[in-house]
Amino acid sequence: PVCNTDQPLLSTMLLPSGPGAAEDEAPISKKRLNELDWFRALMVICVVYAHVSRSGVEGGVDGSVLVDNRVFTEQDPAPFATRWLSEMRQLCLPLLFFVSGAACACSFKLRPRGFSKLAVVTALGMALNATLWMLGPQNPACDPGTWQTNPSCKGVLLNFTICPWSGDIFPTVFQMWYTLMLMLLMLINWPLCAFLKGGSCGLASLFVQWCATCGIAVAFMFGAGEEIPGKALLVGLVLLYEALFLAAAVCTSAAWRPSCIPLRVVHYSLGLLALLQFAATPIVPQIDSMSLAFVLYIFLGFNKFFQLGFVLTLARLPGSDEASPVVSKYWPLVVVLRVVTVPSTNWSIAGNLTYPYFPRMLDRVNYVLGAIVLMFVFDRAGRYISCEPLPTVLATTTLLLYLLHPVLMAFILSIFSNGSWFREANQVWLGSLVLCLALVWSAGAIKQVVSRRRSKKEQEASSSEDEDSET
């Protein structure tokens, strides 16, 4: 059996510390699930690329719809970012929340760990974003690509905003919405985590979780007002799906599951319920912008991926029931599943960059199903294929990149505002990554120099004391 070490939640759920950082804490029977660290780091890098590509810089993905025409046009083809964002968006945020739930399964002990540290990081990130907003023109229309043609784009230090076309409030939140939602999911899933891991909470606590989750969802519905029609049906479906999901999650415990039902079958039922909750719940006919209806959509969906990550990973821990393969016995079928659920390479914003809300339910079901299938594939592969640890330098670099990339983007675009270098999305993204890597490497080098000097002084002091004692 394997398990990620019990590190603070800031490291295990948001961005990892080095794979060897907690070896002293880990029991002999445990080792890190290194693939979680890799997935987390890679998805963070992809998120930053998406933010850069949608910021309005050259070579990015602008507008609501963009055709991936590179294979059939010779003049002015769509950038590769069109294809990359369209493909990666299906997986990126669901996998991040899945990994966060998986890390929670490894680190949870009676209560969520590291909540306060996560709150501090969130506050720091929002403070940096707010500073950028105040130093800029405070005009959502001033994107980095077109601000020079807009006379009103004049700020204290910056003449553009890094998070354009998103109102006056969201630029302060920006990338930290993820940690805000993560903290919310940690709290509302506390009873489920405590019930399944250690049994410190009873069934009554799951009723409290059901009430809290449904209460938040209903608050979003009525807060959206007339944007969400037919609230009665929507409320009924949310209450039903949430109750069924929690009931199925209880059955992942051997004490509550009939012996004739394999654990993996229960996992599949959870995946089906997550699909129904996320993709088949008719919230609104169409979403065109960031709104409470969209917040409700991602809250319901990402909560399910967080829960899936927790439940599936719990079956990999020492002392837990082993999820023996069922569909994996016929694993070549994954080719068919992937072909059926692969997303279009044409770009459609479909509401918001975070995750698309396609007008047709069938399209939403097909899209979300592709992400769920990949989660199960990754979970099964991780049980049989070993993964090398994520290098500590890369782990720390991705942490800084997530936190600082708006600042780094502003720095790069300001320095090269009058030149031809570092004006395109790929260059700005790569430059931000290299700057973070340089900061981490420099900090490590300085730390080594200081450590060597300190050791040298201690050795000299020790030698001097020995000479004095001999005298």
Protein backbone atom coordinates (compact mmCIF):
# COMPACT_ATOMS: atom_id res chain seq x y z
CA PRO A 1 0.00 0.00 0.00
CA VAL A 2 1.11 3.51 -0.73
CA CYS A 3 0.17 6.94 0.50
CA ASN A 4 1.36 10.50 0.28
CA THR A 5 2.96 11.57 3.49
CA ASP A 6 0.94 13.63 5.95
CA GLN A 7 2.24 17.07 5.03
CA PRO A 8 0.53 20.38 5.72
CA LEU A 9 -2.49 20.86 3.49
CA LEU A 10 -0.88 23.84 1.77
CA SER A 11 1.73 21.52 0.32
CA THR A 12 -0.31 18.40 -0.33
CA MET A 13 -3.48 20.01 -1.64
CA LEU A 14 -2.40 23.19 -3.40
CA LEU A 15 1.19 22.78 -4.51
CA PRO A 16 3.64 20.18 -3.25
CA SER A 17 6.81 20.67 -1.37
CA GLY A 18 9.69 18.49 -2.46
CA PRO A 19 9.06 14.76 -2.59
CA GLY A 20 11.72 14.12 -0.03
CA ALA A 21 10.65 16.85 2.33
CA ALA A 22 8.53 14.61 4.48
CA GLU A 23 10.39 11.34 4.42
CA ASP A 24 11.28 11.79 8.07
CA GLU A 25 7.58 12.02 8.97
CA ALA A 26 6.28 9.18 6.85
CA PRO A 27 5.79 5.76 8.42
CA ILE A 28 7.83 2.96 6.94
CA SER A 29 4.71 1.47 5.31
CA LYS A 30 4.05 4.62 3.32
CA LYS A 31 5.55 6.45 0.42
CA ARG A 32 4.46 9.42 -1.65
CA LEU A 33 2.05 9.07 -4.51
CA ASN A 34 4.47 10.91 -6.75
CA GLU A 35 2.08 11.10 -9.68
CA LEU A 36 -0.13 13.48 -7.68
CA ASP A 37 2.76 15.92 -7.37
CA TRP A 38 3.45 15.68 -11.10
CA PHE A 39 -0.18 16.17 -12.08
CA ARG A 40 -0.50 19.17 -9.77
CA ALA A 41 2.64 20.86 -11.06
CA LEU A 42 1.82 20.23 -14.72
CA MET A 43 -1.76 21.46 -14.37
CA VAL A 44 -0.59 24.64 -12.65
CA ILE A 45 1.77 25.31 -15.55
CA CYS A 46 -1.14 24.76 -17.95
CA VAL A 47 -3.39 27.11 -15.94
CA VAL A 48 -0.77 29.85 -16.20
CA TYR A 49 -0.49 29.27 -19.94
CA ALA A 50 -4.27 29.64 -20.23
CA HIS A 51 -4.21 32.90 -18.25
CA VAL A 52 -1.48 34.32 -20.47
CA SER A 53 -3.24 33.20 -23.66
CA ARG A 54 -6.51 34.85 -22.62
CA SER A 55 -4.93 38.08 -21.36
CA GLY A 56 -5.08 39.79 -24.75
CA VAL A 57 -1.42 39.42 -25.74
CA GLU A 58 -0.43 38.51 -29.28
CA GLY A 59 -0.55 34.83 -30.19
CA GLY A 60 -3.20 34.11 -27.59
CA VAL A 61 -6.80 33.01 -27.89
CA ASP A 62 -9.10 36.02 -28.18
CA GLY A 63 -12.84 36.13 -28.62
CA SER A 64 -15.59 33.65 -27.84
CA VAL A 65 -15.09 31.33 -30.82
CA LEU A 66 -11.97 30.50 -32.81
CA VAL A 67 -11.66 27.80 -35.46
CA ASP A 68 -8.60 25.54 -35.36
CA ASN A 69 -7.85 26.06 -39.05
CA ARG A 70 -4.13 25.33 -39.15
CA VAL A 71 -4.50 22.18 -41.25
CA PHE A 72 -6.57 23.75 -44.04
CA THR A 73 -5.54 27.39 -44.32
CA GLU A 74 -2.28 28.99 -45.42
CA GLN A 75 -2.90 32.60 -44.41
CA ASP A 76 -3.17 33.78 -40.84
CA PRO A 77 -3.79 30.37 -39.22
CA ALA A 78 -5.09 30.10 -35.69
CA PRO A 79 -2.36 29.88 -33.05
CA PHE A 80 -1.51 26.52 -31.54
CA ALA A 81 -2.93 27.87 -28.28
CA THR A 82 -6.40 27.40 -29.81
CA ARG A 83 -5.88 23.66 -29.99
CA TRP A 84 -3.98 23.33 -26.74
CA LEU A 85 -6.48 25.26 -24.62
CA SER A 86 -9.44 23.47 -26.15
CA GLU A 87 -7.92 20.07 -25.40
CA MET A 88 -6.50 20.81 -21.96
CA ARG A 89 -9.51 22.64 -20.55
CA GLN A 90 -11.49 19.40 -20.42
CA LEU A 91 -9.02 17.95 -17.94
CA CYS A 92 -7.09 20.71 -16.20
CA LEU A 93 -9.34 22.04 -13.41
CA PRO A 94 -11.12 18.70 -12.77
CA LEU A 95 -7.72 17.05 -12.34
CA LEU A 96 -6.51 19.79 -9.98
CA PHE A 97 -9.54 19.32 -7.72
CA PHE A 98 -9.26 15.53 -8.03
CA VAL A 99 -5.63 15.71 -6.91
CA SER A 100 -6.61 18.03 -4.05
CA GLY A 101 -9.16 15.50 -2.86
CA ALA A 102 -6.60 12.72 -3.24
CA ALA A 103 -4.08 14.64 -1.15
CA CYS A 104 -6.77 15.22 1.47
CA ALA A 105 -7.25 11.45 1.70
CA CYS A 106 -3.57 11.14 2.57
CA SER A 107 -3.31 14.05 4.98
CA PHE A 108 -6.69 14.12 6.73
CA LYS A 109 -6.59 13.44 10.47
CA LEU A 110 -9.87 14.22 12.29
CA ARG A 111 -9.96 17.65 10.62
CA PRO A 112 -8.62 19.43 7.52
CA ARG A 113 -4.95 20.28 7.89
CA GLY A 114 -3.21 23.50 6.93
CA PHE A 115 -6.38 25.52 6.40
CA SER A 116 -4.89 28.65 7.96
CA LYS A 117 -1.75 28.44 5.80
CA LEU A 118 -3.88 28.10 2.70
CA ALA A 119 -5.83 31.18 3.79
CA VAL A 120 -2.58 33.14 4.21
CA VAL A 121 -1.42 32.20 0.69
CA THR A 122 -4.82 33.20 -0.68
CA ALA A 123 -4.70 36.57 1.08
CA LEU A 124 -1.15 37.18 -0.17
CA GLY A 125 -2.08 36.38 -3.76
CA MET A 126 -5.15 38.61 -3.66
CA ALA A 127 -3.11 41.44 -2.12
CA LEU A 128 -0.59 41.23 -4.98
CA ASN A 129 -3.40 41.17 -7.54
CA ALA A 130 -5.08 44.16 -5.90
CA THR A 131 -1.80 46.06 -6.01
CA LEU A 132 -1.48 45.40 -9.75
CA TRP A 133 -5.04 46.62 -10.25
CA MET A 134 -4.42 49.81 -8.29
CA LEU A 135 -1.18 50.50 -10.17
CA GLY A 136 -2.93 50.06 -13.51
CA PRO A 137 -5.64 52.05 -15.27
CA GLN A 138 -8.39 50.24 -13.32
CA ASN A 139 -10.20 49.77 -16.60
CA PRO A 140 -11.20 46.20 -17.61
CA ALA A 141 -10.99 47.20 -21.29
CA CYS A 142 -7.23 47.88 -21.10
CA ASP A 143 -5.79 44.53 -22.12
CA PRO A 144 -2.03 44.11 -22.77
CA GLY A 145 -2.55 43.75 -26.51
CA THR A 146 -4.58 46.87 -27.33
CA TRP A 147 -4.03 49.37 -24.51
CA GLN A 148 -1.78 51.51 -26.72
CA THR A 149 -4.76 52.37 -28.95
CA ASN A 150 -6.96 53.39 -26.01
CA PRO A 151 -6.20 56.91 -24.66
CA SER A 152 -8.01 56.14 -21.38
CA CYS A 153 -5.52 53.38 -20.52
CA LYS A 154 -3.31 55.37 -18.17
CA GLY A 155 -2.32 54.08 -14.76
CA VAL A 156 0.03 54.97 -11.94
CA LEU A 157 2.66 52.50 -13.09
CA LEU A 158 0.96 50.19 -15.59
CA ASN A 159 -1.16 51.11 -18.59
CA PHE A 160 -2.89 47.74 -18.86
CA THR A 161 -4.57 45.14 -16.68
CA ILE A 162 -3.42 41.52 -16.53
CA CYS A 163 -6.96 40.20 -16.10
CA PRO A 164 -8.96 42.20 -18.66
CA TRP A 165 -12.65 42.03 -19.53
CA SER A 166 -13.55 40.59 -16.12
CA GLY A 167 -15.06 43.52 -14.24
CA ASP A 168 -13.66 45.53 -11.36
CA ILE A 169 -13.64 42.83 -8.64
CA PHE A 170 -12.43 39.61 -10.25
CA PRO A 171 -8.95 41.02 -11.17
CA THR A 172 -8.24 41.06 -7.42
CA VAL A 173 -9.34 37.44 -7.01
CA PHE A 174 -8.00 36.13 -10.36
CA GLN A 175 -6.08 32.86 -9.87
CA MET A 176 -6.84 32.71 -6.14
CA TRP A 177 -10.46 31.71 -6.80
CA TYR A 178 -9.11 28.16 -6.85
CA THR A 179 -7.76 28.33 -3.31
CA LEU A 180 -10.93 30.07 -2.12
CA MET A 181 -13.07 27.26 -3.51
CA LEU A 182 -10.62 24.69 -2.21
CA MET A 183 -11.03 26.01 1.33
CA LEU A 184 -14.81 25.88 0.94
CA LEU A 185 -14.68 22.28 -0.30
CA MET A 186 -12.38 21.30 2.56
CA LEU A 187 -14.94 22.58 5.06
CA ILE A 188 -18.13 21.19 3.57
CA ASN A 189 -16.55 17.76 2.94
CA TRP A 190 -15.12 17.54 6.46
CA PRO A 191 -17.90 15.15 7.66
CA LEU A 192 -17.47 12.80 4.68
CA CYS A 193 -13.69 12.71 5.09
CA ALA A 194 -13.98 12.07 8.83
CA PHE A 195 -16.62 9.37 8.32
CA LEU A 196 -14.66 7.42 5.71
CA LYS A 197 -11.22 7.89 7.22
CA GLY A 198 -11.13 6.93 10.88
CA GLY A 199 -14.86 6.92 11.54
CA SER A 200 -14.65 9.96 13.79
CA CYS A 201 -18.01 11.22 12.47
CA GLY A 202 -21.29 9.33 12.23
CA LEU A 203 -24.02 9.23 9.62
CA ALA A 204 -25.72 12.23 11.20
CA SER A 205 -22.74 14.38 10.23
CA LEU A 206 -23.29 13.46 6.58
CA PHE A 207 -26.79 14.90 6.85
CA VAL A 208 -25.18 18.13 8.04
CA GLN A 209 -22.89 18.06 4.99
CA TRP A 210 -25.86 17.41 2.71
CA CYS A 211 -27.69 20.39 4.19
CA ALA A 212 -24.62 22.64 3.89
CA THR A 213 -23.85 21.69 0.29
CA CYS A 214 -27.45 21.98 -0.86
CA GLY A 215 -27.89 25.19 1.11
CA ILE A 216 -24.95 26.81 -0.68
CA ALA A 217 -26.26 25.63 -4.05
CA VAL A 218 -29.77 26.93 -3.36
CA ALA A 219 -28.33 30.27 -2.21
CA PHE A 220 -26.54 30.60 -5.56
CA MET A 221 -29.77 29.73 -7.40
CA PHE A 222 -31.89 32.36 -5.73
CA GLY A 223 -29.04 34.87 -5.75
CA ALA A 224 -28.96 34.54 -9.54
CA GLY A 225 -32.58 35.69 -9.70
CA GLU A 226 -34.25 35.49 -13.10
CA GLU A 227 -31.06 34.20 -14.72
CA ILE A 228 -32.02 30.70 -13.54
CA PRO A 229 -35.57 29.75 -14.60
CA GLY A 230 -37.36 26.66 -13.32
CA LYS A 231 -35.73 26.62 -9.91
CA ALA A 232 -38.04 23.90 -8.53
CA LEU A 233 -36.68 21.22 -10.86
CA LEU A 234 -33.11 22.36 -10.31
CA VAL A 235 -33.45 22.32 -6.52
CA GLY A 236 -34.96 18.84 -6.64
CA LEU A 237 -32.16 17.44 -8.81
CA VAL A 238 -29.43 18.98 -6.66
CA LEU A 239 -30.97 17.57 -3.47
CA LEU A 240 -31.40 14.15 -5.07
CA TYR A 241 -27.96 13.83 -6.66
CA GLU A 242 -26.19 15.03 -3.52
CA ALA A 243 -28.08 12.54 -1.35
CA LEU A 244 -27.38 9.66 -3.75
CA PHE A 245 -23.70 10.55 -3.98
CA LEU A 246 -23.24 10.62 -0.20
CA ALA A 247 -25.13 7.33 0.13
CA ALA A 248 -22.90 5.71 -2.49
CA ALA A 249 -19.81 7.17 -0.80
CA VAL A 250 -20.87 5.52 2.46
CA CYS A 251 -20.96 2.20 0.61
CA THR A 252 -17.24 2.49 -0.16
CA SER A 253 -16.76 1.45 3.47
CA ALA A 254 -16.72 -2.33 3.83
CA ALA A 255 -18.91 -2.07 6.92
CA TRP A 256 -21.74 -0.56 4.87
CA ARG A 257 -21.28 -2.26 1.49
CA PRO A 258 -22.89 -5.60 0.61
CA SER A 259 -20.16 -8.18 0.11
CA CYS A 260 -21.52 -9.08 -3.33
CA ILE A 261 -20.79 -5.60 -4.71
CA PRO A 262 -17.16 -4.90 -5.66
CA LEU A 263 -15.72 -1.64 -4.39
CA ARG A 264 -14.85 -0.55 -7.92
CA VAL A 265 -18.51 -0.82 -8.94
CA VAL A 266 -19.34 1.65 -6.17
CA HIS A 267 -16.60 3.91 -7.54
CA TYR A 268 -18.21 3.75 -10.99
CA SER A 269 -21.57 4.68 -9.50
CA LEU A 270 -19.92 7.72 -7.91
CA GLY A 271 -18.49 8.67 -11.29
CA LEU A 272 -21.95 8.37 -12.86
CA LEU A 273 -23.54 10.54 -10.17
CA ALA A 274 -20.76 13.11 -10.58
CA LEU A 275 -21.50 13.15 -14.31
CA LEU A 276 -25.21 13.70 -13.71
CA GLN A 277 -24.58 16.43 -11.16
CA PHE A 278 -22.03 18.33 -13.24
CA ALA A 279 -23.22 17.87 -16.80
CA ALA A 280 -26.87 16.77 -16.81
CA THR A 281 -28.27 19.27 -14.30
CA PRO A 282 -30.10 21.92 -16.39
CA ILE A 283 -29.02 25.11 -14.64
CA VAL A 284 -29.67 27.59 -17.45
CA PRO A 285 -30.10 27.32 -21.23
CA GLN A 286 -26.83 29.16 -21.83
CA ILE A 287 -24.08 30.97 -19.89
CA ASP A 288 -22.36 33.92 -21.54
CA SER A 289 -20.27 35.40 -18.72
CA MET A 290 -19.13 35.07 -15.13
CA SER A 291 -22.33 34.95 -13.06
CA LEU A 292 -23.86 33.22 -10.05
CA ALA A 293 -25.27 30.60 -12.40
CA PHE A 294 -21.75 29.82 -13.58
CA VAL A 295 -20.44 29.79 -9.99
CA LEU A 296 -23.18 27.27 -9.12
CA TYR A 297 -22.14 25.15 -12.10
CA ILE A 298 -18.47 24.91 -11.16
CA PHE A 299 -19.25 24.55 -7.45
CA LEU A 300 -21.38 21.47 -8.08
CA GLY A 301 -18.93 19.99 -10.57
CA PHE A 302 -15.58 20.64 -8.91
CA ASN A 303 -16.97 19.51 -5.57
CA LYS A 304 -17.68 16.14 -7.16
CA PHE A 305 -14.15 15.85 -8.55
CA PHE A 306 -12.73 16.72 -5.13
CA GLN A 307 -14.88 13.99 -3.57
CA LEU A 308 -13.92 11.50 -6.27
CA GLY A 309 -10.25 12.17 -5.63
CA PHE A 310 -10.71 11.57 -1.91
CA VAL A 311 -12.76 8.38 -2.24
CA LEU A 312 -10.71 6.74 -4.99
CA THR A 313 -7.39 7.50 -3.31
CA LEU A 314 -8.67 6.31 0.06
CA ALA A 315 -8.81 2.82 -1.45
CA ARG A 316 -5.03 3.01 -2.02
CA LEU A 317 -4.10 3.65 1.60
CA PRO A 318 -2.83 1.07 4.09
CA GLY A 319 -5.68 -0.76 5.80
CA SER A 320 -8.29 0.19 3.20
CA ASP A 321 -10.23 -2.09 0.89
CA GLU A 322 -8.47 -2.77 -2.38
CA ALA A 323 -10.42 -1.62 -5.44
CA SER A 324 -9.91 -4.68 -7.62
CA PRO A 325 -10.18 -4.02 -11.36
CA VAL A 326 -13.51 -4.47 -13.12
CA VAL A 327 -13.62 -2.53 -16.38
CA SER A 328 -9.81 -2.37 -16.36
CA LYS A 329 -9.78 -6.07 -17.18
CA TYR A 330 -10.85 -4.95 -20.64
CA TRP A 331 -8.54 -1.95 -20.76
CA PRO A 332 -8.24 -1.72 -24.58
CA LEU A 333 -11.77 -0.30 -24.51
CA VAL A 334 -10.28 2.95 -23.23
CA VAL A 335 -9.37 3.72 -26.83
CA VAL A 336 -13.05 3.78 -27.76
CA LEU A 337 -13.98 5.80 -24.68
CA ARG A 338 -11.32 8.40 -25.45
CA VAL A 339 -12.32 8.72 -29.10
CA VAL A 340 -15.96 9.19 -28.13
CA THR A 341 -15.23 11.81 -25.46
CA VAL A 342 -12.27 13.70 -26.96
CA PRO A 343 -13.02 17.45 -27.09
CA SER A 344 -13.08 19.57 -30.22
CA THR A 345 -9.91 21.48 -31.02
CA ASN A 346 -12.02 24.49 -31.99
CA TRP A 347 -12.17 27.09 -29.24
CA SER A 348 -15.48 28.06 -27.66
CA ILE A 349 -15.48 30.07 -24.45
CA ALA A 350 -18.98 28.73 -23.59
CA GLY A 351 -19.33 30.95 -20.55
CA ASN A 352 -15.91 31.26 -18.97
CA LEU A 353 -12.31 30.11 -19.35
CA THR A 354 -12.56 28.05 -16.15
CA TYR A 355 -14.81 25.38 -17.64
CA PRO A 356 -17.27 25.45 -20.54
CA TYR A 357 -21.03 25.28 -20.12
CA PHE A 358 -22.20 24.13 -23.54
CA PRO A 359 -25.83 24.91 -24.44
CA ARG A 360 -26.61 21.28 -25.35
CA MET A 361 -26.74 18.84 -22.46
CA LEU A 362 -25.37 16.03 -24.64
CA ASP A 363 -22.24 18.08 -25.36
CA ARG A 364 -21.76 18.78 -21.65
CA VAL A 365 -22.20 15.11 -20.77
CA ASN A 366 -19.73 14.01 -23.44
CA TYR A 367 -17.20 16.64 -22.31
CA VAL A 368 -17.36 15.89 -18.58
CA LEU A 369 -17.43 12.14 -19.22
CA GLY A 370 -14.07 12.45 -20.93
CA ALA A 371 -12.58 14.03 -17.80
CA ILE A 372 -14.10 11.38 -15.51
CA VAL A 373 -12.80 8.55 -17.70
CA LEU A 374 -9.29 9.98 -17.51
CA MET A 375 -9.52 10.23 -13.69
CA PHE A 376 -10.28 6.52 -13.47
CA VAL A 377 -7.49 5.73 -15.95
CA PHE A 378 -4.98 7.75 -13.90
CA ASP A 379 -6.17 6.15 -10.67
CA ARG A 380 -5.78 2.63 -12.03
CA ALA A 381 -2.42 3.33 -13.66
CA GLY A 382 -1.09 4.80 -10.42
CA ARG A 383 -1.83 1.56 -8.61
CA TYR A 384 0.47 -0.48 -10.84
CA ILE A 385 3.03 1.87 -12.39
CA SER A 386 5.64 3.54 -10.20
CA CYS A 387 6.43 7.22 -10.72
CA GLU A 388 9.67 9.06 -10.04
CA PRO A 389 9.50 11.91 -7.48
CA LEU A 390 8.90 15.43 -8.68
CA PRO A 391 12.16 17.43 -8.40
CA THR A 392 12.04 19.83 -5.48
CA VAL A 393 13.09 22.73 -7.70
CA LEU A 394 10.14 22.16 -10.03
CA ALA A 395 7.74 21.80 -7.11
CA THR A 396 8.80 25.11 -5.60
CA THR A 397 8.88 26.80 -9.01
CA THR A 398 5.26 25.88 -9.73
CA LEU A 399 4.22 27.20 -6.32
CA LEU A 400 5.81 30.57 -7.07
CA LEU A 401 4.48 30.53 -10.63
CA TYR A 402 0.92 30.07 -9.44
CA LEU A 403 1.23 32.81 -6.86
CA LEU A 404 3.30 35.34 -8.79
CA HIS A 405 2.48 34.89 -12.47
CA PRO A 406 0.27 38.02 -12.67
CA VAL A 407 3.14 40.08 -11.26
CA LEU A 408 5.65 38.41 -13.57
CA MET A 409 3.39 38.96 -16.59
CA ALA A 410 3.10 42.65 -15.73
CA PHE A 411 6.87 42.91 -15.27
CA ILE A 412 7.70 41.24 -18.60
CA LEU A 413 5.10 43.19 -20.58
CA SER A 414 6.23 46.48 -19.04
CA ILE A 415 9.93 45.92 -19.68
CA PHE A 416 9.39 44.93 -23.31
CA SER A 417 6.44 47.23 -24.04
CA ASN A 418 8.25 49.05 -26.86
CA GLY A 419 10.08 46.12 -28.39
CA SER A 420 9.29 43.01 -30.39
CA TRP A 421 10.53 40.54 -27.80
CA PHE A 422 8.28 38.89 -25.22
CA ARG A 423 5.10 40.21 -26.77
CA GLU A 424 3.50 36.88 -27.68
CA ALA A 425 1.67 34.53 -25.33
CA ASN A 426 4.21 31.71 -25.61
CA GLN A 427 7.10 34.07 -24.86
CA VAL A 428 5.41 35.69 -21.86
CA TRP A 429 4.44 32.30 -20.45
CA LEU A 430 7.91 30.84 -20.92
CA GLY A 431 9.53 34.00 -19.55
CA SER A 432 7.40 33.81 -16.38
CA LEU A 433 8.35 30.18 -15.91
CA VAL A 434 12.06 30.90 -16.40
CA LEU A 435 11.95 33.84 -13.97
CA CYS A 436 10.37 31.65 -11.29
CA LEU A 437 12.95 28.95 -11.91
CA ALA A 438 15.74 31.53 -11.64
CA LEU A 439 14.32 32.85 -8.36
CA VAL A 440 14.13 29.37 -6.87
CA TRP A 441 17.62 28.45 -8.08
CA SER A 442 19.08 31.72 -6.77
CA ALA A 443 17.41 31.28 -3.40
CA GLY A 444 18.77 27.74 -3.19
CA ALA A 445 22.28 28.87 -4.13
CA ILE A 446 22.22 31.68 -1.55
CA LYS A 447 20.98 29.27 1.08
CA GLN A 448 23.85 26.89 0.33
CA VAL A 449 26.43 29.69 0.52
CA VAL A 450 25.04 30.90 3.86
CA SER A 451 24.93 27.35 5.17
CA ARG A 452 28.54 26.70 4.17
CA ARG A 453 29.75 29.92 5.78
CA ARG A 454 27.85 29.12 8.95
CA SER A 455 29.30 25.62 9.05
CA LYS A 456 32.79 27.01 8.45
CA LYS A 457 32.40 29.51 11.31
CA GLU A 458 31.10 26.78 13.62
CA GLN A 459 34.07 24.58 12.74
CA GLU A 460 36.51 27.44 13.36
CA ALA A 461 34.84 28.23 16.68
CA SER A 462 34.96 24.58 17.67
CA SER A 463 38.66 24.34 16.77
CA SER A 464 39.39 27.52 18.76
CA GLU A 465 37.62 26.10 21.82
CA ASP A 466 39.60 22.86 21.53
CA GLU A 467 42.88 24.81 21.38
CA ASP A 468 41.91 26.87 24.44
CA SER A 469 41.02 23.77 26.42
CA GLU A 470 44.35 22.16 25.55
CA THR A 471 46.16 25.31 26.66
